[in-house]
Amino acid sequence: MKIAILGMGCATCNKLEDTVRLAVKETGVDAQIDHVKDIKQIMAYGVMTTPALVIDGKVVAAGKLPSLADIKKMIGG
């Protein structure tokens, strides 16, 4: 599974990355996690508000910080 956190490095974006890493650790899901900070790459996903969460190329959340439980559901844990 490929997971991307889209955001320029704001506190909320960094919190999303921390929460995603915790969800992956707690569920044992095999995932590659990337934090995309380049605005051109972020815009390529069609995302206008960050942070955003992308799982296997699909934007599953944008402009909000999903809870740990929600992220676990999204990754199938």
N, C-alpha and C. Protein backbone atom coordinates (compact mmCIF):
# COMPACT_ATOMS: atom_id res chain seq x y z
N MET A 1 0.84 -1.17 0.00
CA MET A 1 0.00 0.00 0.00
C MET A 1 0.89 1.24 0.00
N LYS A 2 0.48 2.22 -0.79
CA LYS A 2 1.20 3.49 -0.81
C LYS A 2 0.31 4.56 -0.22
N ILE A 3 0.86 5.26 0.77
CA ILE A 3 0.13 6.33 1.45
C ILE A 3 0.92 7.61 1.28
N ALA A 4 0.22 8.68 0.90
CA ALA A 4 0.87 9.98 0.77
C ALA A 4 0.13 10.99 1.62
N ILE A 5 0.89 11.76 2.37
CA ILE A 5 0.35 12.89 3.09
C ILE A 5 0.71 14.12 2.26
N LEU A 6 -0.30 14.90 1.89
CA LEU A 6 -0.07 16.08 1.08
C LEU A 6 -0.16 17.31 1.97
N GLY A 7 0.90 18.09 2.00
CA GLY A 7 0.90 19.30 2.81
C GLY A 7 2.29 19.90 2.86
N MET A 8 2.35 21.20 2.97
CA MET A 8 3.61 21.92 2.86
C MET A 8 4.46 21.86 4.13
N GLY A 9 3.98 21.19 5.16
CA GLY A 9 4.76 21.07 6.38
C GLY A 9 4.20 21.84 7.56
N CYS A 10 2.93 22.23 7.47
CA CYS A 10 2.29 22.93 8.59
C CYS A 10 2.09 21.95 9.75
N ALA A 11 1.76 22.47 10.90
CA ALA A 11 1.59 21.63 12.09
C ALA A 11 0.52 20.56 11.88
N THR A 12 -0.58 20.92 11.22
CA THR A 12 -1.65 19.96 10.99
C THR A 12 -1.20 18.86 10.02
N CYS A 13 -0.44 19.24 9.01
CA CYS A 13 0.08 18.26 8.05
C CYS A 13 1.03 17.29 8.75
N ASN A 14 1.87 17.80 9.61
CA ASN A 14 2.81 16.95 10.35
C ASN A 14 2.07 16.04 11.33
N LYS A 15 1.00 16.54 11.93
CA LYS A 15 0.18 15.73 12.84
C LYS A 15 -0.47 14.59 12.06
N LEU A 16 -0.93 14.87 10.83
CA LEU A 16 -1.52 13.83 10.01
C LEU A 16 -0.49 12.73 9.72
N GLU A 17 0.73 13.14 9.40
CA GLU A 17 1.77 12.15 9.13
C GLU A 17 2.02 11.29 10.38
N ASP A 18 2.11 11.91 11.54
CA ASP A 18 2.32 11.17 12.78
C ASP A 18 1.18 10.18 13.04
N THR A 19 -0.04 10.62 12.80
CA THR A 19 -1.21 9.78 13.04
C THR A 19 -1.25 8.62 12.06
N VAL A 20 -0.91 8.88 10.80
CA VAL A 20 -0.87 7.81 9.79
C VAL A 20 0.19 6.78 10.17
N ARG A 21 1.37 7.24 10.56
CA ARG A 21 2.43 6.30 10.96
C ARG A 21 2.01 5.45 12.16
N LEU A 22 1.30 6.06 13.11
CA LEU A 22 0.81 5.32 14.27
C LEU A 22 -0.24 4.28 13.84
N ALA A 23 -1.14 4.67 12.96
CA ALA A 23 -2.18 3.75 12.47
C ALA A 23 -1.56 2.56 11.75
N VAL A 24 -0.56 2.82 10.94
CA VAL A 24 0.12 1.74 10.21
C VAL A 24 0.82 0.81 11.21
N LYS A 25 1.48 1.38 12.19
CA LYS A 25 2.17 0.59 13.20
C LYS A 25 1.19 -0.27 14.00
N GLU A 26 0.09 0.33 14.42
CA GLU A 26 -0.87 -0.38 15.26
C GLU A 26 -1.63 -1.47 14.50
N THR A 27 -1.84 -1.27 13.20
CA THR A 27 -2.58 -2.26 12.41
C THR A 27 -1.68 -3.30 11.77
N GLY A 28 -0.39 -2.99 11.67
CA GLY A 28 0.54 -3.93 11.05
C GLY A 28 0.44 -3.97 9.53
N VAL A 29 -0.24 -2.99 8.95
CA VAL A 29 -0.38 -2.91 7.49
C VAL A 29 0.98 -2.60 6.88
N ASP A 30 1.29 -3.27 5.77
CA ASP A 30 2.53 -3.00 5.06
C ASP A 30 2.30 -1.80 4.15
N ALA A 31 2.93 -0.68 4.47
CA ALA A 31 2.68 0.54 3.71
C ALA A 31 3.95 1.36 3.56
N GLN A 32 4.04 2.00 2.41
CA GLN A 32 5.09 2.98 2.14
C GLN A 32 4.44 4.35 2.35
N ILE A 33 5.03 5.15 3.24
CA ILE A 33 4.45 6.45 3.57
C ILE A 33 5.37 7.56 3.08
N ASP A 34 4.79 8.49 2.32
CA ASP A 34 5.53 9.64 1.82
C ASP A 34 4.81 10.92 2.24
N HIS A 35 5.58 11.96 2.56
CA HIS A 35 5.01 13.27 2.85
C HIS A 35 5.37 14.17 1.66
N VAL A 36 4.37 14.50 0.86
CA VAL A 36 4.58 15.30 -0.34
C VAL A 36 4.41 16.77 0.03
N LYS A 37 5.48 17.55 -0.12
CA LYS A 37 5.46 18.96 0.26
C LYS A 37 5.52 19.89 -0.95
N ASP A 38 5.78 19.34 -2.12
CA ASP A 38 5.89 20.15 -3.33
C ASP A 38 4.50 20.54 -3.84
N ILE A 39 4.26 21.84 -3.94
CA ILE A 39 2.93 22.34 -4.31
C ILE A 39 2.48 21.82 -5.67
N LYS A 40 3.37 21.67 -6.62
CA LYS A 40 2.99 21.16 -7.94
C LYS A 40 2.53 19.72 -7.86
N GLN A 41 3.21 18.92 -7.05
CA GLN A 41 2.79 17.52 -6.88
C GLN A 41 1.45 17.45 -6.15
N ILE A 42 1.26 18.31 -5.17
CA ILE A 42 -0.01 18.34 -4.44
C ILE A 42 -1.15 18.70 -5.39
N MET A 43 -0.93 19.71 -6.20
CA MET A 43 -1.97 20.15 -7.14
C MET A 43 -2.26 19.09 -8.20
N ALA A 44 -1.29 18.25 -8.51
CA ALA A 44 -1.50 17.18 -9.48
C ALA A 44 -2.57 16.19 -9.01
N TYR A 45 -2.77 16.11 -7.70
CA TYR A 45 -3.82 15.25 -7.16
C TYR A 45 -5.19 15.94 -7.19
N GLY A 46 -5.23 17.21 -7.57
CA GLY A 46 -6.47 17.96 -7.60
C GLY A 46 -6.88 18.46 -6.23
N VAL A 47 -5.94 18.48 -5.30
CA VAL A 47 -6.21 18.91 -3.93
C VAL A 47 -5.97 20.41 -3.81
N MET A 48 -6.97 21.10 -3.26
CA MET A 48 -6.84 22.54 -3.09
C MET A 48 -6.66 22.94 -1.63
N THR A 49 -7.01 22.03 -0.71
CA THR A 49 -6.85 22.31 0.72
C THR A 49 -6.07 21.17 1.37
N THR A 50 -5.13 21.55 2.20
CA THR A 50 -4.33 20.56 2.89
C THR A 50 -4.60 20.63 4.38
N PRO A 51 -4.30 19.61 5.13
CA PRO A 51 -3.64 18.40 4.69
C PRO A 51 -4.60 17.51 3.92
N ALA A 52 -4.00 16.61 3.15
CA ALA A 52 -4.79 15.62 2.42
C ALA A 52 -4.12 14.27 2.58
N LEU A 53 -4.93 13.24 2.50
CA LEU A 53 -4.45 11.87 2.64
C LEU A 53 -4.79 11.11 1.38
N VAL A 54 -3.77 10.48 0.79
CA VAL A 54 -3.93 9.72 -0.44
C VAL A 54 -3.53 8.28 -0.15
N ILE A 55 -4.41 7.35 -0.50
CA ILE A 55 -4.12 5.93 -0.33
C ILE A 55 -4.21 5.27 -1.69
N ASP A 56 -3.11 4.67 -2.11
CA ASP A 56 -3.01 4.00 -3.41
C ASP A 56 -3.54 4.88 -4.55
N GLY A 57 -3.14 6.15 -4.53
CA GLY A 57 -3.47 7.08 -5.61
C GLY A 57 -4.82 7.75 -5.50
N LYS A 58 -5.62 7.40 -4.49
CA LYS A 58 -6.95 7.98 -4.34
C LYS A 58 -6.98 8.91 -3.12
N VAL A 59 -7.44 10.14 -3.34
CA VAL A 59 -7.57 11.10 -2.24
C VAL A 59 -8.75 10.65 -1.38
N VAL A 60 -8.48 10.34 -0.11
CA VAL A 60 -9.53 9.86 0.80
C VAL A 60 -9.93 10.90 1.84
N ALA A 61 -9.12 11.93 2.00
CA ALA A 61 -9.45 13.02 2.92
C ALA A 61 -8.68 14.26 2.51
N ALA A 62 -9.34 15.41 2.58
CA ALA A 62 -8.67 16.67 2.24
C ALA A 62 -9.23 17.79 3.10
N GLY A 63 -8.34 18.66 3.57
CA GLY A 63 -8.75 19.83 4.33
C GLY A 63 -9.16 19.54 5.76
N LYS A 64 -8.84 18.33 6.23
CA LYS A 64 -9.19 17.99 7.61
C LYS A 64 -8.20 16.96 8.13
N LEU A 65 -8.25 16.76 9.44
CA LEU A 65 -7.37 15.80 10.10
C LEU A 65 -8.23 14.63 10.57
N PRO A 66 -8.21 13.51 9.82
CA PRO A 66 -9.00 12.36 10.25
C PRO A 66 -8.47 11.80 11.57
N SER A 67 -9.36 11.17 12.33
CA SER A 67 -8.96 10.57 13.60
C SER A 67 -8.14 9.31 13.35
N LEU A 68 -7.46 8.86 14.38
CA LEU A 68 -6.70 7.62 14.30
C LEU A 68 -7.61 6.47 13.90
N ALA A 69 -8.78 6.39 14.51
CA ALA A 69 -9.74 5.32 14.18
C ALA A 69 -10.17 5.38 12.72
N ASP A 70 -10.42 6.59 12.22
CA ASP A 70 -10.83 6.75 10.81
C ASP A 70 -9.71 6.31 9.87
N ILE A 71 -8.49 6.67 10.19
CA ILE A 71 -7.36 6.29 9.35
C ILE A 71 -7.19 4.77 9.34
N LYS A 72 -7.35 4.16 10.50
CA LYS A 72 -7.26 2.69 10.57
C LYS A 72 -8.30 2.04 9.66
N LYS A 73 -9.51 2.58 9.64
CA LYS A 73 -10.57 2.04 8.75
C LYS A 73 -10.18 2.22 7.29
N MET A 74 -9.61 3.39 6.97
CA MET A 74 -9.23 3.69 5.59
C MET A 74 -8.15 2.74 5.07
N ILE A 75 -7.24 2.34 5.96
CA ILE A 75 -6.15 1.47 5.51
C ILE A 75 -6.49 -0.01 5.70
N GLY A 76 -7.69 -0.26 6.20
CA GLY A 76 -8.13 -1.65 6.32
C GLY A 76 -7.62 -2.37 7.55
N GLY A 77 -7.36 -1.60 8.60
CA GLY A 77 -6.82 -2.21 9.81
C GLY A 77 -7.81 -2.42 10.89
